[in-house]
Amino acid sequence: MENTKNSLLSGILFSVFLAAVVLLLVHLFSALNAIVLGLLLGILVGNIFTMPTHFQPGIGFIGNKMLELSIIFLAFGINYTHMGKLGWESFLLIGSVVFILLILTVYLAKKLNCPSSVGWLVGFGTTICGSSAIAALAPSVSKNKEDVGVAVAVVNFYGTLGMLIMPLLLAAFSFSTLESSLLLGGSLHSVGNVAGAGYAMSSEIGEQALTIKLARVALLSPGLIFFSYLTQKNTGKHWKHYFQLPWYLWGFLFITVVVSLTAMPTGFITATSEIGKVILTIAMTAIGLKVSFRSLIQSGKRGMVFGLLIFVIQIVLLGLGIWFFVS
């Protein structure tokens, strides 16, 4: 028993130490993304050095439990009132695209034989809010934590690429402020991606795009329940089974409702969201330690193709919606 505890503690302390290095670097260089950097550092260390066998239980434990715990804290950053700030046409467009993409994610992942849960995670992260969405879905659909690492890498790659390229394309084709805001807020993966791209074009586009993005983030809770239904609907289980979510997802749903219905101090919301990001950084660092270059290349190839496909479909659907219903 004592040896087991020591083994668990060794892996936990090592993972936390690496995550602390990441957080220090992000503090010194604010342009860095802690979650992605933690994943990359974990992958590098895990592949360059041979991890002691007694580290493995602790690394696995912290990768699983910290991922679940981060979901609880990240819930404080989701507020359903953002949905009401959009006009009904814009909200209907964003909501429709989100749920159509979730259906296509399940269908195309099976059709294209995207490995294990990588396709589901990449599609879900692309559809809603990047790494946070992947973190929320992963514990219930992915037994292999390497899939989580691959999905986070793919989603952040396309999110960064889109942040750099889309403002140039939108400016070149003279899209209106609302059209640009819908395309950026409705397609880019993370809030940071949307802010970077939107404010690069103008303050007005930045503000509108963020409002649209936050409304999309607010769809994470119903998206999780809907995705649970999509992935289990052919199992012959009773409809009530789709609402038998893990404890952390019920906690997530409860907190998002409370945050939306009560006026919580801004400082508290900010602090809890930041704590969630720190915990998620620790989890992703530990997950990175268990990702091999071989699996990253094998799963990553299809994950990259699948991520690009979903991203392009998302932009096309938004473009069609703008053309027919908004313009």
C-alpha atoms as a PDB file:
ATOM      1  CA  MET A   1       0.000   0.000   0.000  1.00  0.00           C
ATOM      2  CA  GLU A   2       2.820   2.395   0.906  1.00  0.00           C
ATOM      3  CA  ASN A   3       4.617   1.681  -2.374  1.00  0.00           C
ATOM      4  CA  THR A   4       1.399   2.343  -4.298  1.00  0.00           C
ATOM      5  CA  LYS A   5       0.961   5.714  -2.612  1.00  0.00           C
ATOM      6  CA  ASN A   6       4.579   6.645  -3.300  1.00  0.00           C
ATOM      7  CA  SER A   7       4.225   5.652  -6.968  1.00  0.00           C
ATOM      8  CA  LEU A   8       1.071   7.729  -7.278  1.00  0.00           C
ATOM      9  CA  LEU A   9       2.674  10.714  -5.593  1.00  0.00           C
ATOM     10  CA  SER A  10       5.829  10.559  -7.755  1.00  0.00           C
ATOM     11  CA  GLY A  11       3.878  10.794 -11.018  1.00  0.00           C
ATOM     12  CA  ILE A  12       1.596  13.521  -9.667  1.00  0.00           C
ATOM     13  CA  LEU A  13       4.493  15.684  -8.460  1.00  0.00           C
ATOM     14  CA  PHE A  14       6.374  15.268 -11.738  1.00  0.00           C
ATOM     15  CA  SER A  15       3.307  16.282 -13.781  1.00  0.00           C
ATOM     16  CA  VAL A  16       2.636  19.294 -11.544  1.00  0.00           C
ATOM     17  CA  PHE A  17       6.307  20.337 -11.771  1.00  0.00           C
ATOM     18  CA  LEU A  18       6.211  20.342 -15.583  1.00  0.00           C
ATOM     19  CA  ALA A  19       2.901  22.231 -15.560  1.00  0.00           C
ATOM     20  CA  ALA A  20       4.444  24.811 -13.188  1.00  0.00           C
ATOM     21  CA  VAL A  21       7.273  25.343 -15.693  1.00  0.00           C
ATOM     22  CA  VAL A  22       4.657  25.896 -18.411  1.00  0.00           C
ATOM     23  CA  LEU A  23       2.697  28.396 -16.296  1.00  0.00           C
ATOM     24  CA  LEU A  24       5.908  30.288 -15.502  1.00  0.00           C
ATOM     25  CA  LEU A  25       6.741  30.537 -19.205  1.00  0.00           C
ATOM     26  CA  VAL A  26       3.225  31.763 -19.984  1.00  0.00           C
ATOM     27  CA  HIS A  27       3.544  34.353 -17.217  1.00  0.00           C
ATOM     28  CA  LEU A  28       6.777  35.611 -18.788  1.00  0.00           C
ATOM     29  CA  PHE A  29       5.512  35.380 -22.378  1.00  0.00           C
ATOM     30  CA  SER A  30       1.774  36.120 -22.325  1.00  0.00           C
ATOM     31  CA  ALA A  31       1.293  35.305 -26.014  1.00  0.00           C
ATOM     32  CA  LEU A  32       1.780  31.598 -25.254  1.00  0.00           C
ATOM     33  CA  ASN A  33      -1.176  29.253 -24.720  1.00  0.00           C
ATOM     34  CA  ALA A  34      -0.673  27.330 -21.459  1.00  0.00           C
ATOM     35  CA  ILE A  35      -2.915  24.391 -22.397  1.00  0.00           C
ATOM     36  CA  VAL A  36      -1.226  23.785 -25.755  1.00  0.00           C
ATOM     37  CA  LEU A  37       2.269  24.409 -24.356  1.00  0.00           C
ATOM     38  CA  GLY A  38       1.613  21.950 -21.520  1.00  0.00           C
ATOM     39  CA  LEU A  39       0.546  19.303 -24.007  1.00  0.00           C
ATOM     40  CA  LEU A  40       3.582  19.905 -26.233  1.00  0.00           C
ATOM     41  CA  LEU A  41       6.049  19.897 -23.326  1.00  0.00           C
ATOM     42  CA  GLY A  42       4.525  16.680 -22.017  1.00  0.00           C
ATOM     43  CA  ILE A  43       4.823  15.031 -25.439  1.00  0.00           C
ATOM     44  CA  LEU A  44       8.454  16.132 -25.822  1.00  0.00           C
ATOM     45  CA  VAL A  45       9.519  15.028 -22.332  1.00  0.00           C
ATOM     46  CA  GLY A  46       7.590  11.762 -22.571  1.00  0.00           C
ATOM     47  CA  ASN A  47       9.216  10.837 -25.890  1.00  0.00           C
ATOM     48  CA  ILE A  48      12.752  12.115 -25.307  1.00  0.00           C
ATOM     49  CA  PHE A  49      13.103  10.562 -21.854  1.00  0.00           C
ATOM     50  CA  THR A  50      12.016   7.164 -20.631  1.00  0.00           C
ATOM     51  CA  MET A  51       9.558   7.710 -17.803  1.00  0.00           C
ATOM     52  CA  PRO A  52      10.242   5.560 -14.701  1.00  0.00           C
ATOM     53  CA  THR A  53       7.642   2.825 -14.358  1.00  0.00           C
ATOM     54  CA  HIS A  54       6.599   4.018 -10.910  1.00  0.00           C
ATOM     55  CA  PHE A  55       5.686   7.434 -12.396  1.00  0.00           C
ATOM     56  CA  GLN A  56       2.982   5.975 -14.637  1.00  0.00           C
ATOM     57  CA  PRO A  57       0.132   5.499 -12.085  1.00  0.00           C
ATOM     58  CA  GLY A  58       0.417   9.099 -10.883  1.00  0.00           C
ATOM     59  CA  ILE A  59       0.643  10.512 -14.413  1.00  0.00           C
ATOM     60  CA  GLY A  60      -2.448   8.544 -15.449  1.00  0.00           C
ATOM     61  CA  PHE A  61      -4.322   9.535 -12.290  1.00  0.00           C
ATOM     62  CA  ILE A  62      -3.691  13.255 -12.643  1.00  0.00           C
ATOM     63  CA  GLY A  63      -4.456  13.209 -16.375  1.00  0.00           C
ATOM     64  CA  ASN A  64      -7.888  11.690 -15.678  1.00  0.00           C
ATOM     65  CA  LYS A  65      -8.916  13.436 -12.459  1.00  0.00           C
ATOM     66  CA  MET A  66      -7.600  16.897 -13.298  1.00  0.00           C
ATOM     67  CA  LEU A  67      -9.402  16.761 -16.639  1.00  0.00           C
ATOM     68  CA  GLU A  68     -12.685  16.048 -14.844  1.00  0.00           C
ATOM     69  CA  LEU A  69     -12.053  18.692 -12.171  1.00  0.00           C
ATOM     70  CA  SER A  70     -11.183  21.369 -14.735  1.00  0.00           C
ATOM     71  CA  ILE A  71     -14.660  21.005 -16.254  1.00  0.00           C
ATOM     72  CA  ILE A  72     -16.255  22.129 -12.971  1.00  0.00           C
ATOM     73  CA  PHE A  73     -14.191  25.320 -12.815  1.00  0.00           C
ATOM     74  CA  LEU A  74     -14.494  26.116 -16.522  1.00  0.00           C
ATOM     75  CA  ALA A  75     -18.293  26.054 -16.113  1.00  0.00           C
ATOM     76  CA  PHE A  76     -18.128  29.402 -14.297  1.00  0.00           C
ATOM     77  CA  GLY A  77     -17.144  31.043 -17.580  1.00  0.00           C
ATOM     78  CA  ILE A  78     -20.363  29.994 -19.357  1.00  0.00           C
ATOM     79  CA  ASN A  79     -23.438  32.223 -19.189  1.00  0.00           C
ATOM     80  CA  TYR A  80     -26.646  31.463 -21.100  1.00  0.00           C
ATOM     81  CA  THR A  81     -27.633  35.144 -21.164  1.00  0.00           C
ATOM     82  CA  HIS A  82     -25.173  35.613 -24.030  1.00  0.00           C
ATOM     83  CA  MET A  83     -27.713  33.812 -26.230  1.00  0.00           C
ATOM     84  CA  GLY A  84     -30.212  36.609 -25.642  1.00  0.00           C
ATOM     85  CA  LYS A  85     -27.770  39.254 -26.818  1.00  0.00           C
ATOM     86  CA  LEU A  86     -27.969  37.997 -30.404  1.00  0.00           C
ATOM     87  CA  GLY A  87     -30.792  38.790 -32.784  1.00  0.00           C
ATOM     88  CA  TRP A  88     -33.025  35.788 -33.417  1.00  0.00           C
ATOM     89  CA  GLU A  89     -31.702  35.351 -36.969  1.00  0.00           C
ATOM     90  CA  SER A  90     -28.076  35.244 -35.801  1.00  0.00           C
ATOM     91  CA  PHE A  91     -28.822  32.917 -32.895  1.00  0.00           C
ATOM     92  CA  LEU A  92     -30.893  30.589 -35.075  1.00  0.00           C
ATOM     93  CA  LEU A  93     -28.040  30.450 -37.593  1.00  0.00           C
ATOM     94  CA  ILE A  94     -25.357  29.728 -34.967  1.00  0.00           C
ATOM     95  CA  GLY A  95     -27.513  27.151 -33.158  1.00  0.00           C
ATOM     96  CA  SER A  96     -28.450  25.374 -36.391  1.00  0.00           C
ATOM     97  CA  VAL A  97     -24.828  25.177 -37.561  1.00  0.00           C
ATOM     98  CA  VAL A  98     -23.696  23.792 -34.182  1.00  0.00           C
ATOM     99  CA  PHE A  99     -26.235  20.963 -34.112  1.00  0.00           C
ATOM    100  CA  ILE A 100     -25.839  20.131 -37.816  1.00  0.00           C
ATOM    101  CA  LEU A 101     -22.065  19.885 -37.302  1.00  0.00           C
ATOM    102  CA  LEU A 102     -22.493  17.566 -34.304  1.00  0.00           C
ATOM    103  CA  ILE A 103     -24.608  15.246 -36.440  1.00  0.00           C
ATOM    104  CA  LEU A 104     -22.061  15.407 -39.280  1.00  0.00           C
ATOM    105  CA  THR A 105     -19.206  14.757 -36.835  1.00  0.00           C
ATOM    106  CA  VAL A 106     -20.672  11.413 -35.756  1.00  0.00           C
ATOM    107  CA  TYR A 107     -21.631  10.457 -39.328  1.00  0.00           C
ATOM    108  CA  LEU A 108     -18.351  11.462 -41.002  1.00  0.00           C
ATOM    109  CA  ALA A 109     -16.136  10.013 -38.257  1.00  0.00           C
ATOM    110  CA  LYS A 110     -17.718   6.625 -38.943  1.00  0.00           C
ATOM    111  CA  LYS A 111     -17.739   7.015 -42.733  1.00  0.00           C
ATOM    112  CA  LEU A 112     -14.113   8.184 -42.925  1.00  0.00           C
ATOM    113  CA  ASN A 113     -12.955   5.688 -40.289  1.00  0.00           C
ATOM    114  CA  CYS A 114     -11.325   8.401 -38.194  1.00  0.00           C
ATOM    115  CA  PRO A 115      -9.457   6.451 -35.463  1.00  0.00           C
ATOM    116  CA  SER A 116     -11.128   5.716 -32.119  1.00  0.00           C
ATOM    117  CA  SER A 117     -12.509   8.863 -30.477  1.00  0.00           C
ATOM    118  CA  VAL A 118     -10.227  11.366 -32.245  1.00  0.00           C
ATOM    119  CA  GLY A 119     -12.872  12.278 -34.827  1.00  0.00           C
ATOM    120  CA  TRP A 120     -15.564  12.852 -32.200  1.00  0.00           C
ATOM    121  CA  LEU A 121     -13.272  15.012 -30.073  1.00  0.00           C
ATOM    122  CA  VAL A 122     -11.941  17.054 -33.002  1.00  0.00           C
ATOM    123  CA  GLY A 123     -15.452  17.602 -34.366  1.00  0.00           C
ATOM    124  CA  PHE A 124     -16.909  18.559 -30.990  1.00  0.00           C
ATOM    125  CA  GLY A 125     -14.013  20.914 -30.221  1.00  0.00           C
ATOM    126  CA  THR A 126     -14.252  22.556 -33.652  1.00  0.00           C
ATOM    127  CA  THR A 127     -18.007  22.947 -33.380  1.00  0.00           C
ATOM    128  CA  ILE A 128     -18.186  24.642 -29.984  1.00  0.00           C
ATOM    129  CA  CYS A 129     -15.163  25.996 -28.113  1.00  0.00           C
ATOM    130  CA  GLY A 130     -11.889  24.202 -28.790  1.00  0.00           C
ATOM    131  CA  SER A 131      -9.880  22.693 -25.929  1.00  0.00           C
ATOM    132  CA  SER A 132     -12.555  23.345 -23.280  1.00  0.00           C
ATOM    133  CA  ALA A 133     -15.164  21.429 -25.290  1.00  0.00           C
ATOM    134  CA  ILE A 134     -12.728  18.558 -25.787  1.00  0.00           C
ATOM    135  CA  ALA A 135     -12.010  18.511 -22.037  1.00  0.00           C
ATOM    136  CA  ALA A 136     -15.744  18.385 -21.278  1.00  0.00           C
ATOM    137  CA  LEU A 137     -16.448  15.530 -23.698  1.00  0.00           C
ATOM    138  CA  ALA A 138     -13.264  13.463 -23.381  1.00  0.00           C
ATOM    139  CA  PRO A 139     -13.823  11.627 -20.061  1.00  0.00           C
ATOM    140  CA  SER A 140     -17.140  10.187 -21.249  1.00  0.00           C
ATOM    141  CA  VAL A 141     -16.100   9.083 -24.769  1.00  0.00           C
ATOM    142  CA  SER A 142     -12.335   8.513 -24.741  1.00  0.00           C
ATOM    143  CA  LYS A 143     -10.619   5.731 -22.837  1.00  0.00           C
ATOM    144  CA  ASN A 144      -7.332   6.481 -24.592  1.00  0.00           C
ATOM    145  CA  LYS A 145      -5.897   9.792 -23.372  1.00  0.00           C
ATOM    146  CA  GLU A 146      -3.605   9.941 -26.413  1.00  0.00           C
ATOM    147  CA  ASP A 147      -6.739  10.728 -28.432  1.00  0.00           C
ATOM    148  CA  VAL A 148      -7.331  13.787 -26.258  1.00  0.00           C
ATOM    149  CA  GLY A 149      -3.809  15.044 -26.913  1.00  0.00           C
ATOM    150  CA  VAL A 150      -4.165  14.570 -30.669  1.00  0.00           C
ATOM    151  CA  ALA A 151      -7.559  16.319 -30.717  1.00  0.00           C
ATOM    152  CA  VAL A 152      -6.303  19.325 -28.729  1.00  0.00           C
ATOM    153  CA  ALA A 153      -3.284  19.663 -31.031  1.00  0.00           C
ATOM    154  CA  VAL A 154      -5.449  19.519 -34.187  1.00  0.00           C
ATOM    155  CA  VAL A 155      -8.086  21.969 -32.942  1.00  0.00           C
ATOM    156  CA  ASN A 156      -5.528  24.522 -31.751  1.00  0.00           C
ATOM    157  CA  PHE A 157      -3.580  24.262 -35.010  1.00  0.00           C
ATOM    158  CA  TYR A 158      -6.620  25.116 -37.137  1.00  0.00           C
ATOM    159  CA  GLY A 159      -7.822  27.712 -34.640  1.00  0.00           C
ATOM    160  CA  THR A 160      -4.506  29.565 -34.888  1.00  0.00           C
ATOM    161  CA  LEU A 161      -4.391  29.189 -38.669  1.00  0.00           C
ATOM    162  CA  GLY A 162      -7.938  30.517 -38.980  1.00  0.00           C
ATOM    163  CA  MET A 163      -7.172  33.447 -36.677  1.00  0.00           C
ATOM    164  CA  LEU A 164      -4.329  34.521 -38.982  1.00  0.00           C
ATOM    165  CA  ILE A 165      -5.939  33.873 -42.367  1.00  0.00           C
ATOM    166  CA  MET A 166      -9.651  34.650 -41.990  1.00  0.00           C
ATOM    167  CA  PRO A 167      -9.317  38.418 -41.265  1.00  0.00           C
ATOM    168  CA  LEU A 168      -7.279  38.810 -44.453  1.00  0.00           C
ATOM    169  CA  LEU A 169      -9.851  36.920 -46.543  1.00  0.00           C
ATOM    170  CA  LEU A 170     -12.842  38.733 -45.045  1.00  0.00           C
ATOM    171  CA  ALA A 171     -11.217  42.132 -45.631  1.00  0.00           C
ATOM    172  CA  ALA A 172     -10.246  41.192 -49.192  1.00  0.00           C
ATOM    173  CA  PHE A 173     -13.842  40.234 -50.107  1.00  0.00           C
ATOM    174  CA  SER A 174     -15.399  43.251 -48.335  1.00  0.00           C
ATOM    175  CA  PHE A 175     -17.740  41.389 -45.979  1.00  0.00           C
ATOM    176  CA  SER A 176     -19.932  43.612 -43.801  1.00  0.00           C
ATOM    177  CA  THR A 177     -19.349  44.010 -40.046  1.00  0.00           C
ATOM    178  CA  LEU A 178     -22.161  41.595 -39.143  1.00  0.00           C
ATOM    179  CA  GLU A 179     -21.123  39.046 -41.784  1.00  0.00           C
ATOM    180  CA  SER A 180     -17.485  39.136 -40.635  1.00  0.00           C
ATOM    181  CA  SER A 181     -18.559  38.833 -36.994  1.00  0.00           C
ATOM    182  CA  LEU A 182     -20.770  35.820 -37.719  1.00  0.00           C
ATOM    183  CA  LEU A 183     -18.056  34.050 -39.712  1.00  0.00           C
ATOM    184  CA  LEU A 184     -15.374  34.649 -37.080  1.00  0.00           C
ATOM    185  CA  GLY A 185     -17.498  34.099 -33.971  1.00  0.00           C
ATOM    186  CA  GLY A 186     -19.320  31.166 -35.530  1.00  0.00           C
ATOM    187  CA  SER A 187     -16.297  29.245 -36.796  1.00  0.00           C
ATOM    188  CA  LEU A 188     -13.043  29.947 -34.954  1.00  0.00           C
ATOM    189  CA  HIS A 189     -12.253  27.431 -32.258  1.00  0.00           C
ATOM    190  CA  SER A 190     -11.413  29.302 -29.046  1.00  0.00           C
ATOM    191  CA  VAL A 191     -12.462  32.626 -27.528  1.00  0.00           C
ATOM    192  CA  GLY A 192      -8.836  33.754 -27.905  1.00  0.00           C
ATOM    193  CA  ASN A 193      -8.880  32.951 -31.621  1.00  0.00           C
ATOM    194  CA  VAL A 194     -12.060  34.987 -32.089  1.00  0.00           C
ATOM    195  CA  ALA A 195     -10.744  37.946 -30.088  1.00  0.00           C
ATOM    196  CA  GLY A 196      -7.434  37.950 -31.975  1.00  0.00           C
ATOM    197  CA  ALA A 197      -9.071  37.809 -35.398  1.00  0.00           C
ATOM    198  CA  GLY A 198     -11.991  40.131 -34.625  1.00  0.00           C
ATOM    199  CA  TYR A 199     -10.073  42.980 -33.042  1.00  0.00           C
ATOM    200  CA  ALA A 200      -7.454  42.709 -35.794  1.00  0.00           C
ATOM    201  CA  MET A 201     -10.208  43.857 -38.163  1.00  0.00           C
ATOM    202  CA  SER A 202     -11.956  46.471 -35.964  1.00  0.00           C
ATOM    203  CA  SER A 203     -13.225  47.023 -32.423  1.00  0.00           C
ATOM    204  CA  GLU A 204     -16.829  46.688 -33.601  1.00  0.00           C
ATOM    205  CA  ILE A 205     -16.192  43.354 -35.296  1.00  0.00           C
ATOM    206  CA  GLY A 206     -14.215  42.175 -32.274  1.00  0.00           C
ATOM    207  CA  GLU A 207     -17.083  42.961 -29.869  1.00  0.00           C
ATOM    208  CA  GLN A 208     -19.781  41.412 -32.074  1.00  0.00           C
ATOM    209  CA  ALA A 209     -17.704  38.323 -32.862  1.00  0.00           C
ATOM    210  CA  LEU A 210     -17.035  37.718 -29.147  1.00  0.00           C
ATOM    211  CA  THR A 211     -20.752  37.993 -28.336  1.00  0.00           C
ATOM    212  CA  ILE A 212     -21.494  35.431 -31.054  1.00  0.00           C
ATOM    213  CA  LYS A 213     -18.699  33.171 -29.822  1.00  0.00           C
ATOM    214  CA  LEU A 214     -19.908  33.328 -26.207  1.00  0.00           C
ATOM    215  CA  ALA A 215     -23.410  32.387 -27.359  1.00  0.00           C
ATOM    216  CA  ARG A 216     -21.830  29.415 -29.138  1.00  0.00           C
ATOM    217  CA  VAL A 217     -19.921  28.493 -25.966  1.00  0.00           C
ATOM    218  CA  ALA A 218     -23.214  28.581 -24.049  1.00  0.00           C
ATOM    219  CA  LEU A 219     -24.409  25.734 -26.302  1.00  0.00           C
ATOM    220  CA  LEU A 220     -21.781  23.440 -24.744  1.00  0.00           C
ATOM    221  CA  SER A 221     -24.214  22.018 -22.171  1.00  0.00           C
ATOM    222  CA  PRO A 222     -27.041  21.094 -24.587  1.00  0.00           C
ATOM    223  CA  GLY A 223     -24.364  20.022 -27.051  1.00  0.00           C
ATOM    224  CA  LEU A 224     -22.989  17.467 -24.572  1.00  0.00           C
ATOM    225  CA  ILE A 225     -26.433  15.937 -23.991  1.00  0.00           C
ATOM    226  CA  PHE A 226     -27.207  15.899 -27.723  1.00  0.00           C
ATOM    227  CA  PHE A 227     -23.840  14.317 -28.535  1.00  0.00           C
ATOM    228  CA  SER A 228     -24.434  11.673 -25.856  1.00  0.00           C
ATOM    229  CA  TYR A 229     -27.686  10.831 -27.642  1.00  0.00           C
ATOM    230  CA  LEU A 230     -26.047  10.725 -31.089  1.00  0.00           C
ATOM    231  CA  THR A 231     -23.261   8.370 -30.012  1.00  0.00           C
ATOM    232  CA  GLN A 232     -25.535   5.990 -28.089  1.00  0.00           C
ATOM    233  CA  LYS A 233     -28.865   6.108 -29.947  1.00  0.00           C
ATOM    234  CA  ASN A 234     -28.363   2.696 -31.598  1.00  0.00           C
ATOM    235  CA  THR A 235     -27.480   0.887 -28.370  1.00  0.00           C
ATOM    236  CA  GLY A 236     -31.130   0.110 -27.580  1.00  0.00           C
ATOM    237  CA  LYS A 237     -30.980   1.882 -24.231  1.00  0.00           C
ATOM    238  CA  HIS A 238     -33.904   3.749 -22.660  1.00  0.00           C
ATOM    239  CA  TRP A 239     -34.076   7.495 -23.387  1.00  0.00           C
ATOM    240  CA  LYS A 240     -33.350   8.239 -19.721  1.00  0.00           C
ATOM    241  CA  HIS A 241     -29.892   6.719 -20.198  1.00  0.00           C
ATOM    242  CA  TYR A 242     -28.814   9.719 -22.278  1.00  0.00           C
ATOM    243  CA  PHE A 243     -29.231  11.909 -19.189  1.00  0.00           C
ATOM    244  CA  GLN A 244     -27.147   9.603 -16.994  1.00  0.00           C
ATOM    245  CA  LEU A 245     -24.127  11.863 -17.260  1.00  0.00           C
ATOM    246  CA  PRO A 246     -20.955  11.576 -15.126  1.00  0.00           C
ATOM    247  CA  TRP A 247     -20.892  13.621 -11.898  1.00  0.00           C
ATOM    248  CA  TYR A 248     -18.632  16.325 -13.333  1.00  0.00           C
ATOM    249  CA  LEU A 249     -20.995  16.991 -16.252  1.00  0.00           C
ATOM    250  CA  TRP A 250     -23.970  17.323 -13.891  1.00  0.00           C
ATOM    251  CA  GLY A 251     -21.808  19.681 -11.824  1.00  0.00           C
ATOM    252  CA  PHE A 252     -20.955  21.575 -15.002  1.00  0.00           C
ATOM    253  CA  LEU A 253     -24.637  21.914 -15.961  1.00  0.00           C
ATOM    254  CA  PHE A 254     -25.638  23.003 -12.453  1.00  0.00           C
ATOM    255  CA  ILE A 255     -22.944  25.681 -12.248  1.00  0.00           C
ATOM    256  CA  THR A 256     -23.746  27.101 -15.700  1.00  0.00           C
ATOM    257  CA  VAL A 257     -27.411  27.462 -14.714  1.00  0.00           C
ATOM    258  CA  VAL A 258     -26.527  29.146 -11.398  1.00  0.00           C
ATOM    259  CA  VAL A 259     -24.091  31.531 -13.110  1.00  0.00           C
ATOM    260  CA  SER A 260     -26.733  32.433 -15.690  1.00  0.00           C
ATOM    261  CA  LEU A 261     -29.484  33.079 -13.122  1.00  0.00           C
ATOM    262  CA  THR A 262     -27.507  34.909 -10.433  1.00  0.00           C
ATOM    263  CA  ALA A 263     -25.309  37.995 -10.444  1.00  0.00           C
ATOM    264  CA  MET A 264     -21.931  36.653  -9.358  1.00  0.00           C
ATOM    265  CA  PRO A 265     -18.991  39.028  -8.777  1.00  0.00           C
ATOM    266  CA  THR A 266     -16.871  39.465 -11.893  1.00  0.00           C
ATOM    267  CA  GLY A 267     -13.711  38.859  -9.847  1.00  0.00           C
ATOM    268  CA  PHE A 268     -15.026  35.485  -8.665  1.00  0.00           C
ATOM    269  CA  ILE A 269     -15.970  34.405 -12.192  1.00  0.00           C
ATOM    270  CA  THR A 270     -12.546  35.436 -13.506  1.00  0.00           C
ATOM    271  CA  ALA A 271     -10.707  33.669 -10.663  1.00  0.00           C
ATOM    272  CA  THR A 272     -12.599  30.371 -11.059  1.00  0.00           C
ATOM    273  CA  SER A 273     -12.129  30.398 -14.841  1.00  0.00           C
ATOM    274  CA  GLU A 274      -8.385  30.972 -14.398  1.00  0.00           C
ATOM    275  CA  ILE A 275      -8.190  28.146 -11.839  1.00  0.00           C
ATOM    276  CA  GLY A 276      -9.929  25.922 -14.381  1.00  0.00           C
ATOM    277  CA  LYS A 277      -7.317  26.793 -17.001  1.00  0.00           C
ATOM    278  CA  VAL A 278      -4.488  26.005 -14.557  1.00  0.00           C
ATOM    279  CA  ILE A 279      -6.038  22.621 -13.704  1.00  0.00           C
ATOM    280  CA  LEU A 280      -6.586  21.896 -17.406  1.00  0.00           C
ATOM    281  CA  THR A 281      -2.940  22.791 -18.084  1.00  0.00           C
ATOM    282  CA  ILE A 282      -1.841  20.232 -15.459  1.00  0.00           C
ATOM    283  CA  ALA A 283      -4.148  17.624 -17.016  1.00  0.00           C
ATOM    284  CA  MET A 284      -2.923  18.280 -20.566  1.00  0.00           C
ATOM    285  CA  THR A 285       0.720  18.129 -19.439  1.00  0.00           C
ATOM    286  CA  ALA A 286       0.103  14.714 -17.888  1.00  0.00           C
ATOM    287  CA  ILE A 287      -1.800  13.546 -20.966  1.00  0.00           C
ATOM    288  CA  GLY A 288       1.086  14.720 -23.165  1.00  0.00           C
ATOM    289  CA  LEU A 289       3.486  12.542 -21.163  1.00  0.00           C
ATOM    290  CA  LYS A 290       1.502   9.495 -22.318  1.00  0.00           C
ATOM    291  CA  VAL A 291       1.339  10.444 -26.024  1.00  0.00           C
ATOM    292  CA  SER A 292       3.893   8.698 -28.218  1.00  0.00           C
ATOM    293  CA  PHE A 293       5.187  10.235 -31.439  1.00  0.00           C
ATOM    294  CA  ARG A 294       4.083   7.106 -33.292  1.00  0.00           C
ATOM    295  CA  SER A 295       0.449   7.393 -32.179  1.00  0.00           C
ATOM    296  CA  LEU A 296       0.539  11.148 -32.768  1.00  0.00           C
ATOM    297  CA  ILE A 297       1.597  10.587 -36.379  1.00  0.00           C
ATOM    298  CA  GLN A 298      -0.813   7.687 -36.984  1.00  0.00           C
ATOM    299  CA  SER A 299      -3.893   9.274 -35.422  1.00  0.00           C
ATOM    300  CA  GLY A 300      -2.778  12.818 -36.189  1.00  0.00           C
ATOM    301  CA  LYS A 301      -2.857  12.389 -39.974  1.00  0.00           C
ATOM    302  CA  ARG A 302      -6.513  11.459 -40.070  1.00  0.00           C
ATOM    303  CA  GLY A 303      -7.279  13.872 -37.247  1.00  0.00           C
ATOM    304  CA  MET A 304      -5.783  16.736 -39.270  1.00  0.00           C
ATOM    305  CA  VAL A 305      -7.785  15.818 -42.373  1.00  0.00           C
ATOM    306  CA  PHE A 306     -10.964  15.401 -40.336  1.00  0.00           C
ATOM    307  CA  GLY A 307     -10.407  18.678 -38.480  1.00  0.00           C
ATOM    308  CA  LEU A 308      -9.927  20.565 -41.753  1.00  0.00           C
ATOM    309  CA  LEU A 309     -13.036  18.963 -43.247  1.00  0.00           C
ATOM    310  CA  ILE A 310     -15.260  19.929 -40.297  1.00  0.00           C
ATOM    311  CA  PHE A 311     -13.788  23.457 -40.204  1.00  0.00           C
ATOM    312  CA  VAL A 312     -14.450  23.985 -43.927  1.00  0.00           C
ATOM    313  CA  ILE A 313     -18.005  22.596 -43.657  1.00  0.00           C
ATOM    314  CA  GLN A 314     -18.608  24.928 -40.709  1.00  0.00           C
ATOM    315  CA  ILE A 315     -17.541  27.991 -42.719  1.00  0.00           C
ATOM    316  CA  VAL A 316     -19.602  26.883 -45.734  1.00  0.00           C
ATOM    317  CA  LEU A 317     -22.737  26.383 -43.608  1.00  0.00           C
ATOM    318  CA  LEU A 318     -22.267  29.803 -42.005  1.00  0.00           C
ATOM    319  CA  GLY A 319     -21.732  31.379 -45.431  1.00  0.00           C
ATOM    320  CA  LEU A 320     -24.916  29.807 -46.811  1.00  0.00           C
ATOM    321  CA  GLY A 321     -26.859  30.891 -43.725  1.00  0.00           C
ATOM    322  CA  ILE A 322     -25.622  34.470 -44.082  1.00  0.00           C
ATOM    323  CA  TRP A 323     -26.435  34.482 -47.790  1.00  0.00           C
ATOM    324  CA  PHE A 324     -30.028  33.254 -47.373  1.00  0.00           C
ATOM    325  CA  PHE A 325     -31.114  34.531 -43.959  1.00  0.00           C
ATOM    326  CA  VAL A 326     -28.941  37.422 -42.761  1.00  0.00           C
ATOM    327  CA  SER A 327     -27.798  39.495 -45.734  1.00  0.00           C
END
